[in-house]
Amino acid sequence: MTDYFEYQHTVGFEETNLVGNVYYVNYLRWQGRCRELFLKTHAPDVLAELQDDLKLFTLKVDCEFFAEITAFDELSIRMRLIELAQTQLEFGFDYVVTHSDGIDRLVARGRQRVACMRGPNTRTVPARVPESLVEALQPYTAAVPA
């Protein structure tokens, strides 16, 4: 078993710019997609709570780029839990181009800080991270590689 949740993605033309490399905003979109698929797969009850009054506010995102990628690159977005606080989570994301020969290449690394909130939009307050989410993240708490 790996210590990360993985979202596999094939880069499409619509995700590239005029020069042919991937436009930077897509890396942030893929972070969100990876997080959503994790919830769908490992914490579906949290999705139900999001329909009620739980809110996940993204407080901060970043991404550091090491190499360019282009259309039809096979990409693995690997999410790990970096930090768990009472009301906040921080995730780390490795963007790895995968090759059929088994040699993977790290092309970017990102982070995302999320706060859990509850209540109506005019009176939203910090809330504890749902216990089911804490449990679902347990296998993915290994340190991010240097």
N, C-alpha and C. Protein backbone atom coordinates (compact mmCIF):
# COMPACT_ATOMS: atom_id res chain seq x y z
N MET A 1 0.84 -1.20 0.00
CA MET A 1 0.00 0.00 0.00
C MET A 1 0.87 1.24 0.00
N THR A 2 0.47 2.25 -0.77
CA THR A 2 1.21 3.50 -0.83
C THR A 2 0.79 4.42 0.30
N ASP A 3 1.60 5.42 0.57
CA ASP A 3 1.27 6.38 1.61
C ASP A 3 0.66 7.65 1.03
N TYR A 4 0.10 7.56 -0.18
CA TYR A 4 -0.56 8.70 -0.80
C TYR A 4 -1.82 8.25 -1.51
N PHE A 5 -2.76 9.19 -1.64
CA PHE A 5 -3.94 8.96 -2.47
C PHE A 5 -3.59 9.44 -3.86
N GLU A 6 -3.93 8.66 -4.87
CA GLU A 6 -3.50 8.97 -6.24
C GLU A 6 -4.68 9.24 -7.16
N TYR A 7 -4.56 10.33 -7.91
CA TYR A 7 -5.50 10.66 -8.98
C TYR A 7 -4.69 10.64 -10.28
N GLN A 8 -5.06 9.78 -11.21
CA GLN A 8 -4.35 9.68 -12.48
C GLN A 8 -5.08 10.50 -13.54
N HIS A 9 -4.28 11.22 -14.33
CA HIS A 9 -4.85 12.16 -15.29
C HIS A 9 -4.00 12.17 -16.56
N THR A 10 -4.68 12.19 -17.70
CA THR A 10 -4.00 12.39 -18.98
C THR A 10 -4.23 13.84 -19.39
N VAL A 11 -3.17 14.56 -19.62
CA VAL A 11 -3.25 15.98 -19.98
C VAL A 11 -3.87 16.12 -21.36
N GLY A 12 -4.83 17.04 -21.49
CA GLY A 12 -5.48 17.31 -22.77
C GLY A 12 -5.04 18.63 -23.37
N PHE A 13 -5.32 18.83 -24.65
CA PHE A 13 -4.96 20.07 -25.33
C PHE A 13 -5.56 21.29 -24.64
N GLU A 14 -6.80 21.13 -24.13
CA GLU A 14 -7.48 22.28 -23.51
C GLU A 14 -6.78 22.76 -22.25
N GLU A 15 -5.84 21.97 -21.72
CA GLU A 15 -5.13 22.34 -20.51
C GLU A 15 -3.76 22.97 -20.80
N THR A 16 -3.48 23.19 -22.08
CA THR A 16 -2.20 23.79 -22.46
C THR A 16 -2.41 25.20 -23.00
N ASN A 17 -1.32 25.94 -23.03
CA ASN A 17 -1.38 27.30 -23.56
C ASN A 17 -0.90 27.32 -25.01
N LEU A 18 -0.74 28.51 -25.57
CA LEU A 18 -0.34 28.61 -26.98
C LEU A 18 1.03 28.01 -27.26
N VAL A 19 1.88 27.99 -26.27
CA VAL A 19 3.23 27.44 -26.44
C VAL A 19 3.19 25.91 -26.41
N GLY A 20 2.15 25.35 -25.79
CA GLY A 20 1.99 23.90 -25.76
C GLY A 20 2.24 23.26 -24.41
N ASN A 21 2.64 24.05 -23.42
CA ASN A 21 2.82 23.47 -22.09
C ASN A 21 1.58 23.73 -21.23
N VAL A 22 1.47 23.01 -20.14
CA VAL A 22 0.28 23.10 -19.29
C VAL A 22 0.22 24.46 -18.61
N TYR A 23 -0.94 25.08 -18.70
CA TYR A 23 -1.19 26.37 -18.06
C TYR A 23 -1.24 26.16 -16.55
N TYR A 24 -0.59 27.03 -15.78
CA TYR A 24 -0.36 26.83 -14.35
C TYR A 24 -1.64 26.61 -13.53
N VAL A 25 -2.74 27.24 -13.90
CA VAL A 25 -3.95 27.13 -13.10
C VAL A 25 -4.48 25.70 -13.06
N ASN A 26 -4.14 24.89 -14.05
CA ASN A 26 -4.59 23.50 -14.06
C ASN A 26 -4.02 22.69 -12.92
N TYR A 27 -2.80 23.01 -12.49
CA TYR A 27 -2.22 22.30 -11.36
C TYR A 27 -3.09 22.50 -10.11
N LEU A 28 -3.62 23.70 -9.94
CA LEU A 28 -4.48 23.99 -8.79
C LEU A 28 -5.83 23.28 -8.95
N ARG A 29 -6.35 23.24 -10.16
CA ARG A 29 -7.59 22.50 -10.42
C ARG A 29 -7.41 21.03 -10.08
N TRP A 30 -6.26 20.47 -10.44
CA TRP A 30 -6.01 19.04 -10.18
C TRP A 30 -5.90 18.76 -8.69
N GLN A 31 -5.39 19.73 -7.93
CA GLN A 31 -5.38 19.55 -6.47
C GLN A 31 -6.80 19.39 -5.96
N GLY A 32 -7.68 20.28 -6.39
CA GLY A 32 -9.08 20.22 -5.96
C GLY A 32 -9.74 18.93 -6.40
N ARG A 33 -9.47 18.50 -7.63
CA ARG A 33 -10.06 17.27 -8.14
C ARG A 33 -9.59 16.06 -7.34
N CYS A 34 -8.31 16.03 -7.01
CA CYS A 34 -7.75 14.94 -6.22
C CYS A 34 -8.42 14.89 -4.85
N ARG A 35 -8.56 16.03 -4.23
CA ARG A 35 -9.20 16.10 -2.91
C ARG A 35 -10.65 15.63 -2.98
N GLU A 36 -11.38 16.06 -4.02
CA GLU A 36 -12.77 15.64 -4.19
C GLU A 36 -12.90 14.14 -4.39
N LEU A 37 -12.04 13.58 -5.21
CA LEU A 37 -12.10 12.13 -5.45
C LEU A 37 -11.72 11.34 -4.20
N PHE A 38 -10.82 11.89 -3.39
CA PHE A 38 -10.50 11.25 -2.11
C PHE A 38 -11.76 11.19 -1.24
N LEU A 39 -12.48 12.31 -1.14
CA LEU A 39 -13.70 12.33 -0.33
C LEU A 39 -14.73 11.34 -0.88
N LYS A 40 -14.91 11.32 -2.19
CA LYS A 40 -15.87 10.39 -2.80
C LYS A 40 -15.51 8.94 -2.48
N THR A 41 -14.23 8.61 -2.56
CA THR A 41 -13.77 7.24 -2.39
C THR A 41 -13.66 6.82 -0.93
N HIS A 42 -13.12 7.70 -0.08
CA HIS A 42 -12.76 7.30 1.28
C HIS A 42 -13.58 7.95 2.40
N ALA A 43 -14.32 9.01 2.09
CA ALA A 43 -15.10 9.69 3.13
C ALA A 43 -16.42 10.21 2.57
N PRO A 44 -17.25 9.32 2.01
CA PRO A 44 -18.50 9.77 1.39
C PRO A 44 -19.45 10.44 2.38
N ASP A 45 -19.36 10.10 3.67
CA ASP A 45 -20.22 10.75 4.66
C ASP A 45 -19.87 12.23 4.81
N VAL A 46 -18.61 12.59 4.54
CA VAL A 46 -18.22 14.00 4.57
C VAL A 46 -18.88 14.74 3.42
N LEU A 47 -19.01 14.08 2.27
CA LEU A 47 -19.74 14.69 1.15
C LEU A 47 -21.18 14.97 1.54
N ALA A 48 -21.79 14.06 2.29
CA ALA A 48 -23.16 14.28 2.76
C ALA A 48 -23.21 15.47 3.71
N GLU A 49 -22.20 15.59 4.57
CA GLU A 49 -22.16 16.74 5.49
C GLU A 49 -21.99 18.06 4.73
N LEU A 50 -21.30 18.02 3.59
CA LEU A 50 -21.15 19.23 2.78
C LEU A 50 -22.49 19.67 2.20
N GLN A 51 -23.41 18.74 2.04
CA GLN A 51 -24.75 19.08 1.59
C GLN A 51 -25.57 19.70 2.72
N ASP A 52 -25.13 19.47 3.94
CA ASP A 52 -25.80 20.02 5.12
C ASP A 52 -25.18 21.37 5.46
N ASP A 53 -24.34 21.43 6.51
CA ASP A 53 -23.78 22.74 6.86
C ASP A 53 -22.26 22.77 6.95
N LEU A 54 -21.58 21.66 6.67
CA LEU A 54 -20.12 21.65 6.67
C LEU A 54 -19.61 22.40 5.44
N LYS A 55 -18.58 23.18 5.66
CA LYS A 55 -17.93 23.90 4.55
C LYS A 55 -16.43 23.65 4.66
N LEU A 56 -15.79 23.42 3.53
CA LEU A 56 -14.33 23.29 3.48
C LEU A 56 -13.80 24.51 2.74
N PHE A 57 -13.21 25.44 3.48
CA PHE A 57 -12.67 26.65 2.89
C PHE A 57 -11.19 26.45 2.59
N THR A 58 -10.81 26.67 1.35
CA THR A 58 -9.39 26.61 0.99
C THR A 58 -8.78 27.96 1.37
N LEU A 59 -7.84 27.92 2.29
CA LEU A 59 -7.21 29.14 2.80
C LEU A 59 -5.97 29.53 2.00
N LYS A 60 -5.26 28.50 1.51
CA LYS A 60 -4.00 28.78 0.83
C LYS A 60 -3.68 27.63 -0.10
N VAL A 61 -3.18 27.96 -1.29
CA VAL A 61 -2.67 26.95 -2.22
C VAL A 61 -1.35 27.46 -2.80
N ASP A 62 -0.47 26.53 -3.10
CA ASP A 62 0.74 26.90 -3.82
C ASP A 62 1.20 25.73 -4.65
N CYS A 63 2.06 26.03 -5.59
CA CYS A 63 2.61 25.00 -6.44
C CYS A 63 3.98 25.46 -6.93
N GLU A 64 4.96 24.58 -6.79
CA GLU A 64 6.31 24.84 -7.25
C GLU A 64 6.55 23.94 -8.46
N PHE A 65 7.03 24.52 -9.55
CA PHE A 65 7.19 23.79 -10.81
C PHE A 65 8.65 23.44 -11.04
N PHE A 66 8.90 22.19 -11.43
CA PHE A 66 10.25 21.72 -11.68
C PHE A 66 10.50 21.43 -13.16
N ALA A 67 9.46 21.07 -13.90
CA ALA A 67 9.59 20.76 -15.33
C ALA A 67 8.25 20.99 -16.00
N GLU A 68 8.29 21.28 -17.29
CA GLU A 68 7.05 21.49 -18.03
C GLU A 68 6.46 20.16 -18.46
N ILE A 69 5.13 20.15 -18.58
CA ILE A 69 4.44 18.99 -19.14
C ILE A 69 3.55 19.48 -20.27
N THR A 70 3.19 18.55 -21.15
CA THR A 70 2.43 18.90 -22.35
C THR A 70 1.27 17.92 -22.55
N ALA A 71 0.51 18.17 -23.60
CA ALA A 71 -0.65 17.33 -23.90
C ALA A 71 -0.24 15.86 -24.03
N PHE A 72 -1.07 15.02 -23.47
CA PHE A 72 -0.96 13.56 -23.49
C PHE A 72 0.08 13.00 -22.54
N ASP A 73 0.70 13.86 -21.72
CA ASP A 73 1.53 13.33 -20.64
C ASP A 73 0.61 12.61 -19.66
N GLU A 74 1.06 11.47 -19.16
CA GLU A 74 0.33 10.71 -18.15
C GLU A 74 0.80 11.21 -16.79
N LEU A 75 -0.13 11.72 -16.00
CA LEU A 75 0.21 12.39 -14.76
C LEU A 75 -0.43 11.67 -13.58
N SER A 76 0.32 11.56 -12.51
CA SER A 76 -0.19 11.03 -11.25
C SER A 76 -0.12 12.17 -10.24
N ILE A 77 -1.27 12.57 -9.71
CA ILE A 77 -1.30 13.58 -8.65
C ILE A 77 -1.45 12.81 -7.35
N ARG A 78 -0.45 12.92 -6.48
CA ARG A 78 -0.37 12.12 -5.25
C ARG A 78 -0.54 13.01 -4.04
N MET A 79 -1.60 12.78 -3.30
CA MET A 79 -1.96 13.61 -2.15
C MET A 79 -1.60 12.92 -0.84
N ARG A 80 -1.01 13.70 0.07
CA ARG A 80 -0.71 13.23 1.42
C ARG A 80 -1.20 14.27 2.41
N LEU A 81 -1.47 13.81 3.62
CA LEU A 81 -1.79 14.73 4.71
C LEU A 81 -0.48 15.21 5.32
N ILE A 82 -0.29 16.52 5.35
CA ILE A 82 0.93 17.12 5.91
C ILE A 82 0.71 17.47 7.38
N GLU A 83 -0.45 18.08 7.66
CA GLU A 83 -0.74 18.52 9.02
C GLU A 83 -2.22 18.39 9.31
N LEU A 84 -2.52 17.98 10.52
CA LEU A 84 -3.89 17.90 10.99
C LEU A 84 -3.99 18.70 12.28
N ALA A 85 -4.80 19.73 12.26
CA ALA A 85 -5.07 20.53 13.46
C ALA A 85 -6.54 20.33 13.82
N GLN A 86 -7.01 20.98 14.87
CA GLN A 86 -8.40 20.78 15.29
C GLN A 86 -9.41 21.16 14.22
N THR A 87 -9.15 22.29 13.54
CA THR A 87 -10.13 22.78 12.57
C THR A 87 -9.55 22.91 11.16
N GLN A 88 -8.28 22.58 10.98
CA GLN A 88 -7.64 22.75 9.68
C GLN A 88 -6.83 21.52 9.28
N LEU A 89 -6.65 21.40 7.96
CA LEU A 89 -5.84 20.34 7.37
C LEU A 89 -4.89 20.97 6.37
N GLU A 90 -3.73 20.36 6.22
CA GLU A 90 -2.84 20.78 5.14
C GLU A 90 -2.45 19.54 4.35
N PHE A 91 -2.64 19.64 3.04
CA PHE A 91 -2.33 18.54 2.13
C PHE A 91 -1.11 18.90 1.30
N GLY A 92 -0.34 17.88 0.96
CA GLY A 92 0.77 18.02 0.02
C GLY A 92 0.44 17.24 -1.24
N PHE A 93 0.85 17.77 -2.37
CA PHE A 93 0.58 17.13 -3.66
C PHE A 93 1.88 17.01 -4.46
N ASP A 94 2.17 15.81 -4.91
CA ASP A 94 3.27 15.59 -5.85
C ASP A 94 2.66 15.34 -7.21
N TYR A 95 3.19 16.01 -8.21
CA TYR A 95 2.76 15.83 -9.60
C TYR A 95 3.86 15.05 -10.30
N VAL A 96 3.54 13.83 -10.69
CA VAL A 96 4.54 12.91 -11.22
C VAL A 96 4.12 12.47 -12.62
N VAL A 97 5.01 12.65 -13.59
CA VAL A 97 4.77 12.10 -14.92
C VAL A 97 5.19 10.64 -14.87
N THR A 98 4.26 9.77 -15.24
CA THR A 98 4.53 8.33 -15.19
C THR A 98 4.84 7.82 -16.60
N HIS A 99 5.75 6.87 -16.66
CA HIS A 99 6.15 6.28 -17.93
C HIS A 99 5.94 4.77 -17.87
N SER A 100 5.69 4.17 -19.01
CA SER A 100 5.45 2.73 -19.06
C SER A 100 6.69 1.94 -18.63
N ASP A 101 7.88 2.54 -18.72
CA ASP A 101 9.10 1.84 -18.31
C ASP A 101 9.31 1.86 -16.80
N GLY A 102 8.35 2.47 -16.07
CA GLY A 102 8.43 2.49 -14.61
C GLY A 102 9.23 3.62 -14.03
N ILE A 103 9.81 4.47 -14.87
CA ILE A 103 10.58 5.61 -14.39
C ILE A 103 9.65 6.81 -14.29
N ASP A 104 9.43 7.27 -13.07
CA ASP A 104 8.56 8.41 -12.83
C ASP A 104 9.41 9.67 -12.64
N ARG A 105 8.82 10.83 -13.02
CA ARG A 105 9.55 12.09 -12.92
C ARG A 105 8.68 13.11 -12.20
N LEU A 106 9.18 13.61 -11.07
CA LEU A 106 8.48 14.66 -10.32
C LEU A 106 8.58 15.96 -11.10
N VAL A 107 7.41 16.54 -11.45
CA VAL A 107 7.41 17.76 -12.25
C VAL A 107 6.92 18.98 -11.47
N ALA A 108 6.24 18.75 -10.35
CA ALA A 108 5.76 19.86 -9.54
C ALA A 108 5.39 19.34 -8.15
N ARG A 109 5.32 20.26 -7.21
CA ARG A 109 4.89 19.93 -5.85
C ARG A 109 4.05 21.09 -5.33
N GLY A 110 2.92 20.74 -4.71
CA GLY A 110 2.02 21.79 -4.21
C GLY A 110 1.55 21.50 -2.80
N ARG A 111 0.88 22.50 -2.24
CA ARG A 111 0.27 22.38 -0.91
C ARG A 111 -1.08 23.08 -0.93
N GLN A 112 -1.91 22.66 0.02
CA GLN A 112 -3.24 23.26 0.15
C GLN A 112 -3.64 23.22 1.62
N ARG A 113 -4.03 24.37 2.15
CA ARG A 113 -4.50 24.46 3.54
C ARG A 113 -6.00 24.69 3.52
N VAL A 114 -6.72 23.86 4.30
CA VAL A 114 -8.18 23.87 4.28
C VAL A 114 -8.70 24.03 5.71
N ALA A 115 -9.71 24.88 5.87
CA ALA A 115 -10.36 25.06 7.17
C ALA A 115 -11.76 24.47 7.11
N CYS A 116 -12.14 23.79 8.19
CA CYS A 116 -13.50 23.27 8.32
C CYS A 116 -14.35 24.32 9.04
N MET A 117 -15.50 24.59 8.48
CA MET A 117 -16.41 25.59 9.04
C MET A 117 -17.83 25.01 9.02
N ARG A 118 -18.66 25.55 9.90
CA ARG A 118 -20.07 25.16 9.93
C ARG A 118 -20.93 26.38 10.18
N GLY A 119 -22.18 26.25 9.79
CA GLY A 119 -23.15 27.30 10.04
C GLY A 119 -23.60 27.98 8.76
N PRO A 120 -24.61 28.83 8.90
CA PRO A 120 -25.12 29.56 7.73
C PRO A 120 -24.06 30.55 7.23
N ASN A 121 -24.18 30.92 5.98
CA ASN A 121 -23.16 31.78 5.35
C ASN A 121 -22.91 33.08 6.10
N THR A 122 -23.88 33.61 6.76
CA THR A 122 -23.67 34.88 7.48
C THR A 122 -23.09 34.67 8.88
N ARG A 123 -23.09 33.42 9.37
CA ARG A 123 -22.58 33.14 10.72
C ARG A 123 -21.75 31.86 10.73
N THR A 124 -20.87 31.72 9.76
CA THR A 124 -20.02 30.54 9.68
C THR A 124 -18.91 30.63 10.72
N VAL A 125 -18.68 29.52 11.41
CA VAL A 125 -17.66 29.49 12.46
C VAL A 125 -16.77 28.26 12.26
N PRO A 126 -15.52 28.32 12.76
CA PRO A 126 -14.63 27.16 12.66
C PRO A 126 -15.25 25.94 13.34
N ALA A 127 -14.98 24.76 12.76
CA ALA A 127 -15.51 23.51 13.29
C ALA A 127 -14.40 22.45 13.26
N ARG A 128 -14.53 21.49 14.14
CA ARG A 128 -13.55 20.40 14.16
C ARG A 128 -13.58 19.62 12.84
N VAL A 129 -12.42 19.12 12.46
CA VAL A 129 -12.34 18.25 11.30
C VAL A 129 -13.18 17.01 11.62
N PRO A 130 -14.10 16.62 10.74
CA PRO A 130 -14.93 15.45 11.02
C PRO A 130 -14.08 14.21 11.31
N GLU A 131 -14.49 13.46 12.32
CA GLU A 131 -13.73 12.28 12.75
C GLU A 131 -13.58 11.26 11.62
N SER A 132 -14.62 11.12 10.80
CA SER A 132 -14.53 10.16 9.70
C SER A 132 -13.46 10.58 8.68
N LEU A 133 -13.27 11.88 8.52
CA LEU A 133 -12.22 12.36 7.62
C LEU A 133 -10.84 12.11 8.22
N VAL A 134 -10.72 12.34 9.52
CA VAL A 134 -9.45 12.06 10.22
C VAL A 134 -9.09 10.58 10.03
N GLU A 135 -10.06 9.71 10.23
CA GLU A 135 -9.81 8.26 10.09
C GLU A 135 -9.46 7.89 8.65
N ALA A 136 -10.15 8.49 7.69
CA ALA A 136 -9.89 8.18 6.28
C ALA A 136 -8.49 8.63 5.85
N LEU A 137 -7.98 9.67 6.50
CA LEU A 137 -6.66 10.20 6.14
C LEU A 137 -5.50 9.47 6.81
N GLN A 138 -5.79 8.63 7.79
CA GLN A 138 -4.72 7.94 8.54
C GLN A 138 -3.68 7.26 7.65
N PRO A 139 -4.08 6.52 6.62
CA PRO A 139 -3.05 5.84 5.80
C PRO A 139 -2.19 6.79 4.97
N TYR A 140 -2.59 8.07 4.91
CA TYR A 140 -1.92 9.02 4.00
C TYR A 140 -1.18 10.11 4.77
N THR A 141 -0.67 9.77 5.95
CA THR A 141 -0.04 10.77 6.80
C THR A 141 1.48 10.72 6.78
N ALA A 142 2.06 9.95 5.91
CA ALA A 142 3.52 9.88 5.84
C ALA A 142 4.10 11.23 5.41
N ALA A 143 5.32 11.47 5.82
CA ALA A 143 6.00 12.73 5.47
C ALA A 143 6.17 12.82 3.97
N VAL A 144 6.07 14.06 3.47
CA VAL A 144 6.29 14.31 2.05
C VAL A 144 7.78 14.16 1.77
N PRO A 145 8.15 13.48 0.68
CA PRO A 145 9.57 13.33 0.36
C PRO A 145 10.24 14.68 0.15
N ALA A 146 11.49 14.76 0.50
CA ALA A 146 12.23 16.02 0.35
C ALA A 146 12.60 16.26 -1.10
